[in-house]
Amino acid sequence: MLVRSLSHYLSRCDTLANTQSYLEYLINRLDFTKDLNTPDGSRKIIDTQEKVLSLRLLSAEVNNLALAVYGEGLDGIANSIYGTPSMDSVRKWLSEQRLAG
């Protein structure tokens, strides 16, 4: 049961890394983002400034979650020694988490 739970946790780390990366991509390429349509093609997904702001807030929350998981995984040692890591470093660490053995 522990191995199953740990395996589930580690797959979530990779999902968190990918989600953070895609949200960052959307924020940094707003022309692309504002051109995305709903699945039925009836309207743009991000069609107001309020939705852009909401996307930015969601991205910030996911960044904070990724940083918290990173800090917890390293027992907070890296943050106290090196300061806040880059999001690239956090994503790389999250993506590399695997079961030993």
Protein backbone atom coordinates (compact mmCIF):
# COMPACT_ATOMS: atom_id res chain seq x y z
CA MET A 1 0.00 0.00 0.00
CA LEU A 2 2.85 2.41 0.80
CA VAL A 3 4.50 1.78 -2.59
CA ARG A 4 1.19 2.40 -4.35
CA SER A 5 0.68 5.67 -2.45
CA LEU A 6 4.24 6.78 -3.10
CA SER A 7 3.95 5.92 -6.79
CA HIS A 8 0.73 7.94 -6.99
CA TYR A 9 2.45 10.89 -5.27
CA LEU A 10 5.40 10.79 -7.65
CA SER A 11 3.19 10.73 -10.73
CA ARG A 12 1.44 13.78 -9.29
CA CYS A 13 4.80 15.57 -9.01
CA ASP A 14 5.29 15.17 -12.74
CA THR A 15 1.74 16.37 -13.39
CA LEU A 16 2.35 19.40 -11.20
CA ALA A 17 5.55 20.20 -13.12
CA ASN A 18 3.76 19.93 -16.46
CA THR A 19 0.80 22.01 -15.29
CA GLN A 20 3.09 24.75 -13.99
CA SER A 21 5.02 24.76 -17.25
CA TYR A 22 1.88 25.02 -19.41
CA LEU A 23 0.35 27.79 -17.31
CA GLU A 24 3.62 29.72 -17.59
CA TYR A 25 3.51 29.16 -21.36
CA LEU A 26 -0.05 30.52 -21.53
CA ILE A 27 0.83 33.59 -19.45
CA ASN A 28 3.93 34.37 -21.52
CA ARG A 29 2.10 33.96 -24.85
CA LEU A 30 -1.16 35.84 -24.34
CA ASP A 31 -1.74 36.29 -28.09
CA PHE A 32 -1.80 32.50 -28.43
CA THR A 33 -3.84 32.08 -25.25
CA LYS A 34 -6.49 34.62 -26.28
CA ASP A 35 -6.88 32.76 -29.58
CA LEU A 36 -7.87 29.45 -27.91
CA ASN A 37 -11.48 28.37 -28.51
CA THR A 38 -13.87 26.31 -26.42
CA PRO A 39 -14.10 22.63 -27.51
CA ASP A 40 -17.30 23.31 -29.48
CA GLY A 41 -15.65 26.32 -31.17
CA SER A 42 -18.43 28.70 -30.15
CA ARG A 43 -16.26 31.29 -28.37
CA LYS A 44 -12.79 32.21 -27.15
CA ILE A 45 -11.82 30.75 -23.76
CA ILE A 46 -9.91 33.81 -22.54
CA ASP A 47 -12.13 36.61 -23.81
CA THR A 48 -11.94 39.20 -21.02
CA GLN A 49 -9.28 40.89 -18.91
CA GLU A 50 -10.88 39.28 -15.87
CA LYS A 51 -10.10 35.84 -17.30
CA VAL A 52 -6.51 36.89 -18.01
CA LEU A 53 -6.20 37.99 -14.39
CA SER A 54 -7.74 34.71 -13.22
CA LEU A 55 -5.23 32.79 -15.34
CA ARG A 56 -2.39 34.79 -13.76
CA LEU A 57 -3.75 34.05 -10.27
CA LEU A 58 -4.07 30.34 -11.06
CA SER A 59 -0.52 30.30 -12.38
CA ALA A 60 0.76 32.01 -9.21
CA GLU A 61 -1.08 29.47 -7.03
CA VAL A 62 0.39 26.54 -8.97
CA ASN A 63 3.86 28.14 -8.70
CA ASN A 64 3.40 28.40 -4.92
CA LEU A 65 2.25 24.78 -4.72
CA ALA A 66 5.25 23.60 -6.77
CA LEU A 67 7.62 25.57 -4.55
CA ALA A 68 5.97 24.12 -1.42
CA VAL A 69 6.27 20.53 -2.70
CA TYR A 70 9.89 21.18 -3.71
CA GLY A 71 10.69 22.65 -0.29
CA GLU A 72 8.95 19.79 1.51
CA GLY A 73 10.77 17.21 -0.60
CA LEU A 74 14.12 18.72 0.35
CA ASP A 75 13.07 19.36 3.96
CA GLY A 76 13.43 23.07 3.29
CA ILE A 77 17.22 22.77 3.24
CA ALA A 78 17.72 24.06 -0.31
CA ASN A 79 15.63 27.19 0.25
CA SER A 80 17.48 28.12 3.42
CA ILE A 81 20.89 27.62 1.81
CA TYR A 82 20.34 28.87 -1.73
CA GLY A 83 17.25 31.07 -1.49
CA THR A 84 14.22 30.65 -3.69
CA PRO A 85 14.99 28.37 -6.64
CA SER A 86 14.07 29.13 -10.24
CA MET A 87 10.86 27.57 -11.51
CA ASP A 88 12.95 25.68 -14.08
CA SER A 89 14.86 24.04 -11.21
CA VAL A 90 11.64 23.23 -9.38
CA ARG A 91 10.03 21.70 -12.51
CA LYS A 92 13.17 19.65 -13.19
CA TRP A 93 13.22 18.34 -9.61
CA LEU A 94 9.49 17.52 -9.67
CA SER A 95 9.82 15.70 -13.00
CA GLU A 96 12.76 13.62 -11.74
CA GLN A 97 11.06 12.26 -8.64
CA ARG A 98 10.94 8.48 -8.99
CA LEU A 99 10.73 5.44 -6.77
CA ALA A 100 14.13 4.09 -5.75
CA GLY A 101 14.97 0.54 -6.66
